[in-house]
Every structure is written in structure tokens, then in C-alpha cells.
Amino acid sequence: MKTKFYLVILISLIIFGCTSMNEDYQSKFDSHLRMEFSDESKIDSDEIIKFFGKCNTEISTEMRSELEATGVSIESVIKDIFTASGTRQQLIELAKLESVIRLEKSQMNYPLNKTN
């Protein structure tokens, strides 16, 4: 009886730990990416999203391979920051990596039209 009790507690802790870990990735998204992911009409979309990310250490060749293993296309790397593009599902997989601490959607900034 005691063994069954411990087994139930262990299984409960594992399930609770896995569910909280899977939802933690969303805190790595900036507000623009969160809005992109909240759009219900794009849930199954294969639309390519351009973004940049920050890692907890300088990106090595091995770390770059780990990032690319999620399916995203890494375009440039400068120390611990990278630019990339990928689908929604690829971004989710990337955000689940421990080494990734922040993901932000790329924004186009146009110069102000100065008139005198």
C-alpha cells in the first residue's frame, strides 16, 4: 500500500513538472511574438516568421547546431545574439531550449519623412 502511494505521488510530480516546463517557453517571447501566437487563425500556419534571439552564453558551433536542430534557419550570429527565421512550431521548439533566454519578432522601422 505504501509503495502504491509513493508511486502515485511520483507520477503526479512528474506530470506537474512536465506541464509547467512546457508552458514556461512562452515567457521567452516578446509581446509581438505573443500576439502572433495568440492569433487562432494561424495555429496550423507554415508562415515564416523573422526574429532574433538571445542565449545565456556566447553561441558556439555546437550551440548553433543545437539551435538549427529545431528547424529554424540561423542567418547571423554575434556573440550571444542571433537572427533567424522559422515557423510557429519551430519557434516553440527553439524557446523550449534552456540556452535560449529571449526571442523577439523582427520589426521594420521606416525613417520619418522629414518635410520643411
C-alpha atoms as a PDB file:
ATOM      1  CA  MET A   1       0.000   0.000   0.000  1.00  0.00           C
ATOM      2  CA  LYS A   2       2.814   2.366   0.939  1.00  0.00           C
ATOM      3  CA  THR A   3       4.611   1.633  -2.362  1.00  0.00           C
ATOM      4  CA  LYS A   4       1.489   2.475  -4.394  1.00  0.00           C
ATOM      5  CA  PHE A   5       1.137   5.751  -2.522  1.00  0.00           C
ATOM      6  CA  TYR A   6       4.730   6.757  -3.325  1.00  0.00           C
ATOM      7  CA  LEU A   7       4.260   5.724  -6.940  1.00  0.00           C
ATOM      8  CA  VAL A   8       1.157   7.917  -7.282  1.00  0.00           C
ATOM      9  CA  ILE A   9       2.983  10.889  -5.739  1.00  0.00           C
ATOM     10  CA  LEU A  10       5.982  10.377  -8.036  1.00  0.00           C
ATOM     11  CA  ILE A  11       3.820  10.198 -11.157  1.00  0.00           C
ATOM     12  CA  SER A  12       1.905  13.309 -10.077  1.00  0.00           C
ATOM     13  CA  LEU A  13       5.136  15.262  -9.581  1.00  0.00           C
ATOM     14  CA  ILE A  14       6.459  14.186 -12.978  1.00  0.00           C
ATOM     15  CA  ILE A  15       3.261  15.188 -14.755  1.00  0.00           C
ATOM     16  CA  PHE A  16       3.088  18.519 -12.924  1.00  0.00           C
ATOM     17  CA  GLY A  17       6.752  19.234 -13.673  1.00  0.00           C
ATOM     18  CA  CYS A  18       6.398  18.474 -17.372  1.00  0.00           C
ATOM     19  CA  THR A  19       3.303  20.615 -17.875  1.00  0.00           C
ATOM     20  CA  SER A  20       4.766  23.649 -16.118  1.00  0.00           C
ATOM     21  CA  MET A  21       8.030  23.314 -18.040  1.00  0.00           C
ATOM     22  CA  ASN A  22       6.245  23.157 -21.404  1.00  0.00           C
ATOM     23  CA  GLU A  23       4.363  26.393 -20.759  1.00  0.00           C
ATOM     24  CA  ASP A  24       7.435  28.248 -19.488  1.00  0.00           C
ATOM     25  CA  TYR A  25       8.720  28.814 -23.028  1.00  0.00           C
ATOM     26  CA  GLN A  26       6.052  31.491 -23.632  1.00  0.00           C
ATOM     27  CA  SER A  27       7.745  33.819 -21.158  1.00  0.00           C
ATOM     28  CA  LYS A  28      10.705  33.971 -23.569  1.00  0.00           C
ATOM     29  CA  PHE A  29       8.564  35.631 -26.288  1.00  0.00           C
ATOM     30  CA  ASP A  30       8.288  39.405 -26.614  1.00  0.00           C
ATOM     31  CA  SER A  31       4.828  40.978 -26.854  1.00  0.00           C
ATOM     32  CA  HIS A  32       4.814  40.928 -30.676  1.00  0.00           C
ATOM     33  CA  LEU A  33       5.510  37.187 -30.789  1.00  0.00           C
ATOM     34  CA  ARG A  34       2.888  36.538 -28.101  1.00  0.00           C
ATOM     35  CA  MET A  35       0.330  38.401 -30.247  1.00  0.00           C
ATOM     36  CA  GLU A  36       1.419  36.360 -33.281  1.00  0.00           C
ATOM     37  CA  PHE A  37       0.917  33.131 -31.331  1.00  0.00           C
ATOM     38  CA  SER A  38      -2.445  34.188 -29.919  1.00  0.00           C
ATOM     39  CA  ASP A  39      -3.927  34.508 -33.433  1.00  0.00           C
ATOM     40  CA  GLU A  40      -6.121  31.397 -33.642  1.00  0.00           C
ATOM     41  CA  SER A  41      -6.348  31.547 -37.460  1.00  0.00           C
ATOM     42  CA  LYS A  42      -2.583  30.916 -37.761  1.00  0.00           C
ATOM     43  CA  ILE A  43      -2.276  27.902 -35.448  1.00  0.00           C
ATOM     44  CA  ASP A  44      -1.528  25.439 -38.269  1.00  0.00           C
ATOM     45  CA  SER A  45       0.217  28.014 -40.450  1.00  0.00           C
ATOM     46  CA  ASP A  46       3.611  27.364 -42.017  1.00  0.00           C
ATOM     47  CA  GLU A  47       4.202  31.100 -42.388  1.00  0.00           C
ATOM     48  CA  ILE A  48       7.860  32.044 -41.893  1.00  0.00           C
ATOM     49  CA  ILE A  49       8.486  34.459 -39.010  1.00  0.00           C
ATOM     50  CA  LYS A  50      11.696  36.503 -38.863  1.00  0.00           C
ATOM     51  CA  PHE A  51      13.047  37.033 -35.362  1.00  0.00           C
ATOM     52  CA  PHE A  52      16.135  37.466 -33.268  1.00  0.00           C
ATOM     53  CA  GLY A  53      17.099  35.722 -30.099  1.00  0.00           C
ATOM     54  CA  LYS A  54      19.444  35.890 -27.156  1.00  0.00           C
ATOM     55  CA  CYS A  55      21.211  32.964 -25.490  1.00  0.00           C
ATOM     56  CA  ASN A  56      22.614  32.667 -21.985  1.00  0.00           C
ATOM     57  CA  THR A  57      26.210  32.276 -23.282  1.00  0.00           C
ATOM     58  CA  GLU A  58      28.176  33.090 -26.407  1.00  0.00           C
ATOM     59  CA  ILE A  59      26.950  30.946 -29.288  1.00  0.00           C
ATOM     60  CA  SER A  60      29.474  28.250 -30.191  1.00  0.00           C
ATOM     61  CA  THR A  61      29.408  25.958 -33.220  1.00  0.00           C
ATOM     62  CA  GLU A  62      27.817  23.230 -31.101  1.00  0.00           C
ATOM     63  CA  MET A  63      25.166  25.588 -29.741  1.00  0.00           C
ATOM     64  CA  ARG A  64      24.388  26.847 -33.251  1.00  0.00           C
ATOM     65  CA  SER A  65      23.872  23.233 -34.339  1.00  0.00           C
ATOM     66  CA  GLU A  66      21.522  22.717 -31.377  1.00  0.00           C
ATOM     67  CA  LEU A  67      19.533  25.818 -32.366  1.00  0.00           C
ATOM     68  CA  GLU A  68      19.348  24.725 -36.011  1.00  0.00           C
ATOM     69  CA  ALA A  69      18.231  21.227 -34.956  1.00  0.00           C
ATOM     70  CA  THR A  70      14.853  22.783 -34.082  1.00  0.00           C
ATOM     71  CA  GLY A  71      14.392  23.567 -37.783  1.00  0.00           C
ATOM     72  CA  VAL A  72      14.962  27.323 -37.674  1.00  0.00           C
ATOM     73  CA  SER A  73      17.271  28.942 -40.202  1.00  0.00           C
ATOM     74  CA  ILE A  74      20.051  30.898 -38.451  1.00  0.00           C
ATOM     75  CA  GLU A  75      21.073  33.887 -40.544  1.00  0.00           C
ATOM     76  CA  SER A  76      23.680  35.639 -38.391  1.00  0.00           C
ATOM     77  CA  VAL A  77      25.347  35.288 -35.003  1.00  0.00           C
ATOM     78  CA  ILE A  78      27.081  37.951 -32.917  1.00  0.00           C
ATOM     79  CA  LYS A  79      28.296  36.688 -29.543  1.00  0.00           C
ATOM     80  CA  ASP A  80      25.094  35.598 -27.723  1.00  0.00           C
ATOM     81  CA  ILE A  81      22.576  37.140 -30.167  1.00  0.00           C
ATOM     82  CA  PHE A  82      21.321  35.585 -33.402  1.00  0.00           C
ATOM     83  CA  THR A  83      18.893  36.424 -36.198  1.00  0.00           C
ATOM     84  CA  ALA A  84      16.802  33.667 -37.689  1.00  0.00           C
ATOM     85  CA  SER A  85      13.539  32.675 -39.317  1.00  0.00           C
ATOM     86  CA  GLY A  86      11.187  29.776 -38.818  1.00  0.00           C
ATOM     87  CA  THR A  87       7.617  28.583 -38.458  1.00  0.00           C
ATOM     88  CA  ARG A  88       5.500  28.829 -35.320  1.00  0.00           C
ATOM     89  CA  GLN A  89       6.229  25.231 -34.321  1.00  0.00           C
ATOM     90  CA  GLN A  90       9.962  25.712 -34.853  1.00  0.00           C
ATOM     91  CA  LEU A  91       9.916  28.818 -32.635  1.00  0.00           C
ATOM     92  CA  ILE A  92       8.146  26.872 -29.894  1.00  0.00           C
ATOM     93  CA  GLU A  93      10.785  24.123 -30.058  1.00  0.00           C
ATOM     94  CA  LEU A  94      13.550  26.757 -30.014  1.00  0.00           C
ATOM     95  CA  ALA A  95      12.036  28.521 -26.999  1.00  0.00           C
ATOM     96  CA  LYS A  96      11.999  25.254 -25.064  1.00  0.00           C
ATOM     97  CA  LEU A  97      15.809  25.094 -25.170  1.00  0.00           C
ATOM     98  CA  GLU A  98      17.476  26.085 -21.899  1.00  0.00           C
ATOM     99  CA  SER A  99      20.183  28.070 -23.681  1.00  0.00           C
ATOM    100  CA  VAL A 100      17.626  30.432 -25.279  1.00  0.00           C
ATOM    101  CA  ILE A 101      16.568  33.219 -22.917  1.00  0.00           C
ATOM    102  CA  ARG A 102      14.698  35.660 -25.212  1.00  0.00           C
ATOM    103  CA  LEU A 103      13.010  35.687 -28.646  1.00  0.00           C
ATOM    104  CA  GLU A 104      11.768  38.876 -30.308  1.00  0.00           C
ATOM    105  CA  LYS A 105       9.928  39.359 -33.587  1.00  0.00           C
ATOM    106  CA  SER A 106      11.834  41.406 -36.152  1.00  0.00           C
ATOM    107  CA  GLN A 107      10.245  44.767 -36.838  1.00  0.00           C
ATOM    108  CA  MET A 108      10.699  47.037 -39.822  1.00  0.00           C
ATOM    109  CA  ASN A 109      11.420  50.616 -38.796  1.00  0.00           C
ATOM    110  CA  TYR A 110      10.978  53.172 -41.528  1.00  0.00           C
ATOM    111  CA  PRO A 111      12.652  56.587 -41.360  1.00  0.00           C
ATOM    112  CA  LEU A 112      10.417  59.526 -40.672  1.00  0.00           C
ATOM    113  CA  ASN A 113       9.591  61.571 -43.724  1.00  0.00           C
ATOM    114  CA  LYS A 114      11.002  65.000 -42.854  1.00  0.00           C
ATOM    115  CA  THR A 115       9.297  67.907 -44.554  1.00  0.00           C
ATOM    116  CA  ASN A 116      10.305  71.526 -44.026  1.00  0.00           C
END
